[in-house]
């Protein structure tokens, strides 16, 4: 595989591991452009990077509340 393909895979791994799994939402600022637009956001969630960060915090917070 090309270096570009491997670099892209690393970005996606970090996004899932650090952002979606660990809740380190600031990593989105590093991995996603400022003008990021989700063209198919879930209902009730806006299309921006900040909207996605907020949704992840809320989503992971629900799991933490249940674990306590």
C-alpha atoms as a PDB file:
ATOM      1  CA  UNK A   1       0.000   0.000   0.000  1.00  0.00           C
ATOM      2  CA  UNK A   2       1.081   3.556  -0.580  1.00  0.00           C
ATOM      3  CA  UNK A   3       2.310   5.903   2.120  1.00  0.00           C
ATOM      4  CA  UNK A   4      -0.782   8.037   1.587  1.00  0.00           C
ATOM      5  CA  UNK A   5      -3.073   5.070   2.179  1.00  0.00           C
ATOM      6  CA  UNK A   6      -1.248   4.150   5.378  1.00  0.00           C
ATOM      7  CA  UNK A   7      -1.303   7.769   6.578  1.00  0.00           C
ATOM      8  CA  UNK A   8      -5.057   7.935   5.946  1.00  0.00           C
ATOM      9  CA  UNK A   9      -5.591   4.698   7.856  1.00  0.00           C
ATOM     10  CA  UNK A  10      -3.622   6.120  10.794  1.00  0.00           C
ATOM     11  CA  UNK A  11      -5.842   9.213  10.812  1.00  0.00           C
ATOM     12  CA  UNK A  12      -9.020   7.128  10.859  1.00  0.00           C
ATOM     13  CA  UNK A  13      -7.630   4.859  13.601  1.00  0.00           C
ATOM     14  CA  UNK A  14      -6.795   7.905  15.730  1.00  0.00           C
ATOM     15  CA  UNK A  15     -10.221   9.378  15.075  1.00  0.00           C
ATOM     16  CA  UNK A  16     -11.976   6.227  16.250  1.00  0.00           C
ATOM     17  CA  UNK A  17      -9.613   5.421  19.132  1.00  0.00           C
ATOM     18  CA  UNK A  18      -9.025   8.882  20.566  1.00  0.00           C
ATOM     19  CA  UNK A  19     -12.145  10.772  19.526  1.00  0.00           C
ATOM     20  CA  UNK A  20     -15.043   8.325  19.426  1.00  0.00           C
ATOM     21  CA  UNK A  21     -13.793   5.758  21.960  1.00  0.00           C
ATOM     22  CA  UNK A  22     -11.787   7.794  24.488  1.00  0.00           C
ATOM     23  CA  UNK A  23     -13.740  11.035  24.127  1.00  0.00           C
ATOM     24  CA  UNK A  24     -10.709  13.237  23.460  1.00  0.00           C
ATOM     25  CA  UNK A  25     -12.729  15.652  21.356  1.00  0.00           C
ATOM     26  CA  UNK A  26      -9.859  18.106  20.861  1.00  0.00           C
ATOM     27  CA  UNK A  27      -8.219  15.588  18.536  1.00  0.00           C
ATOM     28  CA  UNK A  28     -10.954  16.485  16.031  1.00  0.00           C
ATOM     29  CA  UNK A  29      -9.368  19.941  15.712  1.00  0.00           C
ATOM     30  CA  UNK A  30      -6.168  18.253  14.610  1.00  0.00           C
ATOM     31  CA  UNK A  31      -7.650  15.605  12.328  1.00  0.00           C
ATOM     32  CA  UNK A  32     -10.598  17.445  10.745  1.00  0.00           C
ATOM     33  CA  UNK A  33     -10.452  20.678   8.810  1.00  0.00           C
ATOM     34  CA  UNK A  34     -12.047  23.773  10.295  1.00  0.00           C
ATOM     35  CA  UNK A  35     -14.604  23.750   7.498  1.00  0.00           C
ATOM     36  CA  UNK A  36     -15.607  20.100   8.073  1.00  0.00           C
ATOM     37  CA  UNK A  37     -19.207  19.443   7.060  1.00  0.00           C
ATOM     38  CA  UNK A  38     -21.075  16.231   7.819  1.00  0.00           C
ATOM     39  CA  UNK A  39     -23.434  15.923   4.875  1.00  0.00           C
ATOM     40  CA  UNK A  40     -25.553  13.253   6.576  1.00  0.00           C
ATOM     41  CA  UNK A  41     -25.641  14.040  10.304  1.00  0.00           C
ATOM     42  CA  UNK A  42     -28.000  12.091  12.540  1.00  0.00           C
ATOM     43  CA  UNK A  43     -31.285  13.814  13.429  1.00  0.00           C
ATOM     44  CA  UNK A  44     -30.817  16.623  15.935  1.00  0.00           C
ATOM     45  CA  UNK A  45     -27.106  17.059  15.259  1.00  0.00           C
ATOM     46  CA  UNK A  46     -25.771  19.926  13.177  1.00  0.00           C
ATOM     47  CA  UNK A  47     -23.290  19.432  10.350  1.00  0.00           C
ATOM     48  CA  UNK A  48     -20.186  21.176  11.754  1.00  0.00           C
ATOM     49  CA  UNK A  49     -17.093  19.810  13.475  1.00  0.00           C
ATOM     50  CA  UNK A  50     -18.194  21.536  16.693  1.00  0.00           C
ATOM     51  CA  UNK A  51     -21.612  19.884  16.430  1.00  0.00           C
ATOM     52  CA  UNK A  52     -19.961  16.483  16.090  1.00  0.00           C
ATOM     53  CA  UNK A  53     -17.684  17.143  19.067  1.00  0.00           C
ATOM     54  CA  UNK A  54     -20.668  18.117  21.186  1.00  0.00           C
ATOM     55  CA  UNK A  55     -22.608  15.020  20.118  1.00  0.00           C
ATOM     56  CA  UNK A  56     -19.692  12.725  21.005  1.00  0.00           C
ATOM     57  CA  UNK A  57     -19.389  14.305  24.470  1.00  0.00           C
ATOM     58  CA  UNK A  58     -23.120  13.820  25.066  1.00  0.00           C
ATOM     59  CA  UNK A  59     -23.094  10.274  23.708  1.00  0.00           C
ATOM     60  CA  UNK A  60     -20.108   9.119  25.758  1.00  0.00           C
ATOM     61  CA  UNK A  61     -21.466  10.918  28.827  1.00  0.00           C
ATOM     62  CA  UNK A  62     -24.553   8.747  28.699  1.00  0.00           C
ATOM     63  CA  UNK A  63     -22.389   5.630  28.950  1.00  0.00           C
ATOM     64  CA  UNK A  64     -20.401   7.075  31.851  1.00  0.00           C
ATOM     65  CA  UNK A  65     -23.607   7.916  33.706  1.00  0.00           C
ATOM     66  CA  UNK A  66     -24.838   4.341  33.358  1.00  0.00           C
ATOM     67  CA  UNK A  67     -21.511   2.882  34.483  1.00  0.00           C
ATOM     68  CA  UNK A  68     -21.512   4.911  37.713  1.00  0.00           C
END
